[in-house]
Amino acid sequence: MFDAGLRRLIDPVSDAVGAWLARRGLSANAITVAGFLVGCGAWAALAWKNYLLALALIAGNRVLDGLDGAVARKMGPTDLGGYLDITLDFLFYAGVPFFFAVGEPDAALPACFLVFAFVASGSTFLAFAAIAAKRGITTEARGKKGIYYLGGLTEGAETIALFVAVCLWPAHFAVMAWVFGGLCLVTAATRIAEAVSTFSTTPPA
């Protein structure tokens, strides 16, 4: 919901740092993979119930996620880069509730619900992007991306806010997971409605 507005604030800084990294030959894909490995460290910290370390590693993952796009914009985006970016992001997101539940087995049910809701939101997002690409539909509302980014009630900014809250107040994970999971399902429903509206007409020949 807030991603488009935040991009206008973040992009000038990330683009400047990304240009500096690009001049030194660091590839966007290398940054993407490094960010995912940092995210894996956050998973481990959650499993060990070291929530402050998890918070720091989640922040590191998100900073690197912003920089890989900035480097790609400077050096030129690639299909592989776009694939790695979205795939590793979604894997990271799903791992956070799972590994929280590894450390807190009593939270398994709300964690499962949150992963289910992430899958619902993510699948409707990716399916829309695939058909949009087939029809040549594009948008740069959230910056220049490798695939079509369809907005919703819960996007990247809201998800990261959830992860920060989980690390700061882990005792309230269950409530946050149920509420945020419900919002993700609302997002999935609105994306389905948008797909029905957009794709119900025959595309021009």
C-alpha atoms as a PDB file:
ATOM      1  CA  MET A   1       0.000   0.000   0.000  1.00  0.00           C
ATOM      2  CA  PHE A   2       2.868   2.391   0.839  1.00  0.00           C
ATOM      3  CA  ASP A   3       5.505   1.028  -1.543  1.00  0.00           C
ATOM      4  CA  ALA A   4       4.943   3.539  -4.346  1.00  0.00           C
ATOM      5  CA  GLY A   5       5.264   6.541  -2.033  1.00  0.00           C
ATOM      6  CA  LEU A   6       8.286   5.151  -0.208  1.00  0.00           C
ATOM      7  CA  ARG A   7      10.069   4.465  -3.495  1.00  0.00           C
ATOM      8  CA  ARG A   8      10.090   8.175  -4.281  1.00  0.00           C
ATOM      9  CA  LEU A   9      11.903   8.788  -0.985  1.00  0.00           C
ATOM     10  CA  ILE A  10      14.279   5.829  -1.093  1.00  0.00           C
ATOM     11  CA  ASP A  11      15.240   5.646  -4.769  1.00  0.00           C
ATOM     12  CA  PRO A  12      17.442   8.793  -4.913  1.00  0.00           C
ATOM     13  CA  VAL A  13      19.652   7.465  -2.095  1.00  0.00           C
ATOM     14  CA  SER A  14      19.721   3.846  -3.299  1.00  0.00           C
ATOM     15  CA  ASP A  15      20.409   4.972  -6.869  1.00  0.00           C
ATOM     16  CA  ALA A  16      23.428   6.979  -5.734  1.00  0.00           C
ATOM     17  CA  VAL A  17      24.848   4.064  -3.742  1.00  0.00           C
ATOM     18  CA  GLY A  18      23.963   1.656  -6.543  1.00  0.00           C
ATOM     19  CA  ALA A  19      25.846   3.781  -9.071  1.00  0.00           C
ATOM     20  CA  TRP A  20      28.895   3.744  -6.774  1.00  0.00           C
ATOM     21  CA  LEU A  21      28.725  -0.057  -6.474  1.00  0.00           C
ATOM     22  CA  ALA A  22      28.225  -0.483 -10.213  1.00  0.00           C
ATOM     23  CA  ARG A  23      31.341   1.578 -10.958  1.00  0.00           C
ATOM     24  CA  ARG A  24      33.280  -0.891  -8.849  1.00  0.00           C
ATOM     25  CA  GLY A  25      32.016  -3.843 -10.849  1.00  0.00           C
ATOM     26  CA  LEU A  26      29.642  -5.360  -8.283  1.00  0.00           C
ATOM     27  CA  SER A  27      26.784  -7.085 -10.068  1.00  0.00           C
ATOM     28  CA  ALA A  28      23.121  -6.817  -9.103  1.00  0.00           C
ATOM     29  CA  ASN A  29      22.835 -10.611  -8.956  1.00  0.00           C
ATOM     30  CA  ALA A  30      25.703 -10.837  -6.470  1.00  0.00           C
ATOM     31  CA  ILE A  31      23.955  -8.309  -4.227  1.00  0.00           C
ATOM     32  CA  THR A  32      20.671 -10.222  -4.535  1.00  0.00           C
ATOM     33  CA  VAL A  33      22.302 -13.483  -3.463  1.00  0.00           C
ATOM     34  CA  ALA A  34      24.226 -11.760  -0.660  1.00  0.00           C
ATOM     35  CA  GLY A  35      20.985 -10.244   0.612  1.00  0.00           C
ATOM     36  CA  PHE A  36      19.314 -13.655   0.600  1.00  0.00           C
ATOM     37  CA  LEU A  37      22.198 -15.156   2.584  1.00  0.00           C
ATOM     38  CA  VAL A  38      21.826 -12.362   5.135  1.00  0.00           C
ATOM     39  CA  GLY A  39      18.130 -13.250   5.253  1.00  0.00           C
ATOM     40  CA  CYS A  40      19.064 -16.878   5.932  1.00  0.00           C
ATOM     41  CA  GLY A  41      21.035 -15.599   8.897  1.00  0.00           C
ATOM     42  CA  ALA A  42      17.859 -13.884  10.114  1.00  0.00           C
ATOM     43  CA  TRP A  43      16.048 -17.223   9.866  1.00  0.00           C
ATOM     44  CA  ALA A  44      18.697 -18.823  12.068  1.00  0.00           C
ATOM     45  CA  ALA A  45      18.480 -15.984  14.593  1.00  0.00           C
ATOM     46  CA  LEU A  46      14.691 -16.406  14.768  1.00  0.00           C
ATOM     47  CA  ALA A  47      15.058 -20.137  15.325  1.00  0.00           C
ATOM     48  CA  TRP A  48      17.480 -19.401  18.181  1.00  0.00           C
ATOM     49  CA  LYS A  49      15.105 -16.730  19.541  1.00  0.00           C
ATOM     50  CA  ASN A  50      17.738 -14.019  19.177  1.00  0.00           C
ATOM     51  CA  TYR A  51      15.242 -11.428  18.002  1.00  0.00           C
ATOM     52  CA  LEU A  52      17.468  -8.350  18.052  1.00  0.00           C
ATOM     53  CA  LEU A  53      20.021 -10.106  15.845  1.00  0.00           C
ATOM     54  CA  ALA A  54      17.176 -11.226  13.591  1.00  0.00           C
ATOM     55  CA  LEU A  55      15.988  -7.622  13.345  1.00  0.00           C
ATOM     56  CA  ALA A  56      19.451  -6.412  12.328  1.00  0.00           C
ATOM     57  CA  LEU A  57      19.773  -9.140   9.696  1.00  0.00           C
ATOM     58  CA  ILE A  58      16.278  -8.464   8.324  1.00  0.00           C
ATOM     59  CA  ALA A  59      17.260  -4.796   7.976  1.00  0.00           C
ATOM     60  CA  GLY A  60      20.438  -5.855   6.164  1.00  0.00           C
ATOM     61  CA  ASN A  61      18.459  -8.087   3.829  1.00  0.00           C
ATOM     62  CA  ARG A  62      16.132  -5.243   2.923  1.00  0.00           C
ATOM     63  CA  VAL A  63      18.948  -2.747   2.350  1.00  0.00           C
ATOM     64  CA  LEU A  64      20.650  -5.157  -0.045  1.00  0.00           C
ATOM     65  CA  ASP A  65      17.306  -5.847  -1.724  1.00  0.00           C
ATOM     66  CA  GLY A  66      17.013  -2.148  -2.475  1.00  0.00           C
ATOM     67  CA  LEU A  67      20.582  -1.879  -3.722  1.00  0.00           C
ATOM     68  CA  ASP A  68      20.373  -4.755  -6.194  1.00  0.00           C
ATOM     69  CA  GLY A  69      17.649  -2.925  -8.086  1.00  0.00           C
ATOM     70  CA  ALA A  70      19.660   0.296  -8.039  1.00  0.00           C
ATOM     71  CA  VAL A  71      22.700  -1.480  -9.507  1.00  0.00           C
ATOM     72  CA  ALA A  72      20.488  -3.170 -12.109  1.00  0.00           C
ATOM     73  CA  ARG A  73      19.083   0.194 -13.172  1.00  0.00           C
ATOM     74  CA  LYS A  74      22.629   1.490 -13.640  1.00  0.00           C
ATOM     75  CA  MET A  75      24.122  -1.543 -15.410  1.00  0.00           C
ATOM     76  CA  GLY A  76      20.973  -2.667 -17.213  1.00  0.00           C
ATOM     77  CA  PRO A  77      18.362  -5.136 -15.927  1.00  0.00           C
ATOM     78  CA  THR A  78      18.435  -8.811 -16.919  1.00  0.00           C
ATOM     79  CA  ASP A  79      15.770 -11.492 -16.948  1.00  0.00           C
ATOM     80  CA  LEU A  80      17.827 -13.627 -14.555  1.00  0.00           C
ATOM     81  CA  GLY A  81      18.187 -10.695 -12.187  1.00  0.00           C
ATOM     82  CA  GLY A  82      14.450 -10.075 -12.164  1.00  0.00           C
ATOM     83  CA  TYR A  83      13.813 -13.768 -11.549  1.00  0.00           C
ATOM     84  CA  LEU A  84      16.299 -14.027  -8.674  1.00  0.00           C
ATOM     85  CA  ASP A  85      15.053 -10.826  -7.059  1.00  0.00           C
ATOM     86  CA  ILE A  86      11.406 -11.833  -6.782  1.00  0.00           C
ATOM     87  CA  THR A  87      12.051 -15.525  -6.106  1.00  0.00           C
ATOM     88  CA  LEU A  88      14.503 -14.978  -3.261  1.00  0.00           C
ATOM     89  CA  ASP A  89      12.307 -12.229  -1.801  1.00  0.00           C
ATOM     90  CA  PHE A  90       9.318 -14.560  -1.605  1.00  0.00           C
ATOM     91  CA  LEU A  91      11.430 -17.370  -0.137  1.00  0.00           C
ATOM     92  CA  PHE A  92      12.765 -14.997   2.499  1.00  0.00           C
ATOM     93  CA  TYR A  93       9.289 -13.764   3.406  1.00  0.00           C
ATOM     94  CA  ALA A  94       7.930 -17.296   3.832  1.00  0.00           C
ATOM     95  CA  GLY A  95      10.931 -18.342   5.909  1.00  0.00           C
ATOM     96  CA  VAL A  96      10.437 -15.685   8.573  1.00  0.00           C
ATOM     97  CA  PRO A  97       7.216 -17.113  10.099  1.00  0.00           C
ATOM     98  CA  PHE A  98       8.432 -20.690   9.600  1.00  0.00           C
ATOM     99  CA  PHE A  99      11.689 -20.174  11.474  1.00  0.00           C
ATOM    100  CA  PHE A 100       9.943 -18.122  14.147  1.00  0.00           C
ATOM    101  CA  ALA A 101       7.813 -21.215  14.749  1.00  0.00           C
ATOM    102  CA  VAL A 102      10.951 -23.378  14.865  1.00  0.00           C
ATOM    103  CA  GLY A 103      12.009 -21.351  17.880  1.00  0.00           C
ATOM    104  CA  GLU A 104       8.471 -21.066  19.266  1.00  0.00           C
ATOM    105  CA  PRO A 105       6.599 -24.311  18.423  1.00  0.00           C
ATOM    106  CA  ASP A 106       3.448 -23.041  20.155  1.00  0.00           C
ATOM    107  CA  ALA A 107       3.223 -20.432  17.368  1.00  0.00           C
ATOM    108  CA  ALA A 108       3.066 -23.085  14.628  1.00  0.00           C
ATOM    109  CA  LEU A 109      -0.614 -22.626  13.762  1.00  0.00           C
ATOM    110  CA  PRO A 110      -0.581 -18.828  13.274  1.00  0.00           C
ATOM    111  CA  ALA A 111       2.772 -19.192  11.482  1.00  0.00           C
ATOM    112  CA  CYS A 112       1.215 -21.713   9.077  1.00  0.00           C
ATOM    113  CA  PHE A 113      -1.700 -19.364   8.475  1.00  0.00           C
ATOM    114  CA  LEU A 114       0.678 -16.507   7.710  1.00  0.00           C
ATOM    115  CA  VAL A 115       2.661 -18.623   5.232  1.00  0.00           C
ATOM    116  CA  PHE A 116      -0.634 -19.680   3.604  1.00  0.00           C
ATOM    117  CA  ALA A 117      -1.645 -16.023   3.299  1.00  0.00           C
ATOM    118  CA  PHE A 118       1.753 -15.124   1.838  1.00  0.00           C
ATOM    119  CA  VAL A 119       1.291 -17.848  -0.782  1.00  0.00           C
ATOM    120  CA  ALA A 120      -2.174 -16.514  -1.648  1.00  0.00           C
ATOM    121  CA  SER A 121      -0.890 -12.952  -1.990  1.00  0.00           C
ATOM    122  CA  GLY A 122       2.255 -13.963  -3.853  1.00  0.00           C
ATOM    123  CA  SER A 123       0.577 -16.321  -6.309  1.00  0.00           C
ATOM    124  CA  THR A 124      -2.035 -13.743  -7.305  1.00  0.00           C
ATOM    125  CA  PHE A 125       0.768 -11.198  -7.715  1.00  0.00           C
ATOM    126  CA  LEU A 126       2.924 -13.441  -9.907  1.00  0.00           C
ATOM    127  CA  ALA A 127       0.030 -14.778 -11.998  1.00  0.00           C
ATOM    128  CA  PHE A 128      -1.086 -11.222 -12.764  1.00  0.00           C
ATOM    129  CA  ALA A 129       2.480 -10.289 -13.727  1.00  0.00           C
ATOM    130  CA  ALA A 130       2.735 -13.249 -16.101  1.00  0.00           C
ATOM    131  CA  ILE A 131      -0.462 -12.385 -17.972  1.00  0.00           C
ATOM    132  CA  ALA A 132       0.386  -8.662 -17.949  1.00  0.00           C
ATOM    133  CA  ALA A 133       3.714  -9.449 -19.626  1.00  0.00           C
ATOM    134  CA  LYS A 134       1.922 -11.549 -22.230  1.00  0.00           C
ATOM    135  CA  ARG A 135      -0.363  -8.596 -23.016  1.00  0.00           C
ATOM    136  CA  GLY A 136       2.378  -5.988 -22.902  1.00  0.00           C
ATOM    137  CA  ILE A 137       0.907  -4.218 -19.867  1.00  0.00           C
ATOM    138  CA  THR A 138       3.522  -2.284 -17.879  1.00  0.00           C
ATOM    139  CA  THR A 139       3.748   0.067 -14.911  1.00  0.00           C
ATOM    140  CA  GLU A 140       6.482   2.029 -13.145  1.00  0.00           C
ATOM    141  CA  ALA A 141       4.372   3.092 -10.151  1.00  0.00           C
ATOM    142  CA  ARG A 142       6.838   1.276  -7.861  1.00  0.00           C
ATOM    143  CA  GLY A 143       9.908   2.040  -9.905  1.00  0.00           C
ATOM    144  CA  LYS A 144      11.250   0.298 -12.970  1.00  0.00           C
ATOM    145  CA  LYS A 145      10.881  -3.442 -12.370  1.00  0.00           C
ATOM    146  CA  GLY A 146      11.524  -6.606 -14.324  1.00  0.00           C
ATOM    147  CA  ILE A 147       7.897  -7.675 -13.940  1.00  0.00           C
ATOM    148  CA  TYR A 148       4.544  -5.956 -13.443  1.00  0.00           C
ATOM    149  CA  TYR A 149       4.092  -4.967  -9.782  1.00  0.00           C
ATOM    150  CA  LEU A 150       0.415  -5.063  -8.836  1.00  0.00           C
ATOM    151  CA  GLY A 151      -0.224  -3.202  -5.603  1.00  0.00           C
ATOM    152  CA  GLY A 152      -2.415  -4.173  -2.715  1.00  0.00           C
ATOM    153  CA  LEU A 153      -3.209  -3.647   0.944  1.00  0.00           C
ATOM    154  CA  THR A 154      -0.101  -5.580   2.010  1.00  0.00           C
ATOM    155  CA  GLU A 155       3.055  -4.997   0.011  1.00  0.00           C
ATOM    156  CA  GLY A 156       6.755  -5.030   0.824  1.00  0.00           C
ATOM    157  CA  ALA A 157       6.742  -2.084   3.230  1.00  0.00           C
ATOM    158  CA  GLU A 158       3.899  -3.502   5.304  1.00  0.00           C
ATOM    159  CA  THR A 159       5.494  -6.941   5.382  1.00  0.00           C
ATOM    160  CA  ILE A 160       8.787  -5.547   6.636  1.00  0.00           C
ATOM    161  CA  ALA A 161       6.915  -3.518   9.266  1.00  0.00           C
ATOM    162  CA  LEU A 162       5.363  -6.799  10.418  1.00  0.00           C
ATOM    163  CA  PHE A 163       8.772  -8.486  10.650  1.00  0.00           C
ATOM    164  CA  VAL A 164      10.149  -5.571  12.659  1.00  0.00           C
ATOM    165  CA  ALA A 165       7.180  -5.753  15.022  1.00  0.00           C
ATOM    166  CA  VAL A 166       7.618  -9.514  15.421  1.00  0.00           C
ATOM    167  CA  CYS A 167      11.258  -9.044  16.404  1.00  0.00           C
ATOM    168  CA  LEU A 168      10.436  -6.259  18.864  1.00  0.00           C
ATOM    169  CA  TRP A 169       7.370  -7.892  20.395  1.00  0.00           C
ATOM    170  CA  PRO A 170       7.704 -11.664  19.786  1.00  0.00           C
ATOM    171  CA  ALA A 171       5.204 -12.480  22.530  1.00  0.00           C
ATOM    172  CA  HIS A 172       2.482 -10.996  20.309  1.00  0.00           C
ATOM    173  CA  PHE A 173       3.422 -12.965  17.202  1.00  0.00           C
ATOM    174  CA  ALA A 174       0.186 -14.962  17.099  1.00  0.00           C
ATOM    175  CA  VAL A 175      -2.077 -11.911  17.044  1.00  0.00           C
ATOM    176  CA  MET A 176       0.082 -10.177  14.447  1.00  0.00           C
ATOM    177  CA  ALA A 177       0.177 -13.295  12.255  1.00  0.00           C
ATOM    178  CA  TRP A 178      -3.598 -13.771  12.303  1.00  0.00           C
ATOM    179  CA  VAL A 179      -4.298 -10.099  11.580  1.00  0.00           C
ATOM    180  CA  PHE A 180      -1.648  -9.632   8.904  1.00  0.00           C
ATOM    181  CA  GLY A 181      -2.507 -12.957   7.308  1.00  0.00           C
ATOM    182  CA  GLY A 182      -6.104 -11.805   7.035  1.00  0.00           C
ATOM    183  CA  LEU A 183      -4.973  -8.579   5.365  1.00  0.00           C
ATOM    184  CA  CYS A 184      -2.889 -10.622   2.909  1.00  0.00           C
ATOM    185  CA  LEU A 185      -5.998 -12.592   1.976  1.00  0.00           C
ATOM    186  CA  VAL A 186      -7.814  -9.306   1.351  1.00  0.00           C
ATOM    187  CA  THR A 187      -4.910  -8.309  -0.897  1.00  0.00           C
ATOM    188  CA  ALA A 188      -5.198 -11.604  -2.770  1.00  0.00           C
ATOM    189  CA  ALA A 189      -8.931 -11.056  -3.244  1.00  0.00           C
ATOM    190  CA  THR A 190      -8.442  -7.537  -4.606  1.00  0.00           C
ATOM    191  CA  ARG A 191      -5.781  -8.799  -7.003  1.00  0.00           C
ATOM    192  CA  ILE A 192      -8.119 -11.483  -8.278  1.00  0.00           C
ATOM    193  CA  ALA A 193     -10.793  -8.838  -8.791  1.00  0.00           C
ATOM    194  CA  GLU A 194      -8.289  -6.667 -10.661  1.00  0.00           C
ATOM    195  CA  ALA A 195      -7.331  -9.618 -12.854  1.00  0.00           C
ATOM    196  CA  VAL A 196     -10.962 -10.332 -13.684  1.00  0.00           C
ATOM    197  CA  SER A 197     -11.463  -6.685 -14.631  1.00  0.00           C
ATOM    198  CA  THR A 198      -8.245  -6.398 -16.642  1.00  0.00           C
ATOM    199  CA  PHE A 199      -8.108  -9.755 -18.384  1.00  0.00           C
ATOM    200  CA  SER A 200     -11.786 -10.454 -19.090  1.00  0.00           C
ATOM    201  CA  THR A 201     -11.564  -8.540 -22.383  1.00  0.00           C
ATOM    202  CA  THR A 202      -9.839  -9.957 -25.421  1.00  0.00           C
ATOM    203  CA  PRO A 203      -6.454  -8.273 -25.946  1.00  0.00           C
ATOM    204  CA  PRO A 204      -5.931  -6.364 -29.177  1.00  0.00           C
ATOM    205  CA  ALA A 205      -4.523  -8.465 -32.015  1.00  0.00           C
END
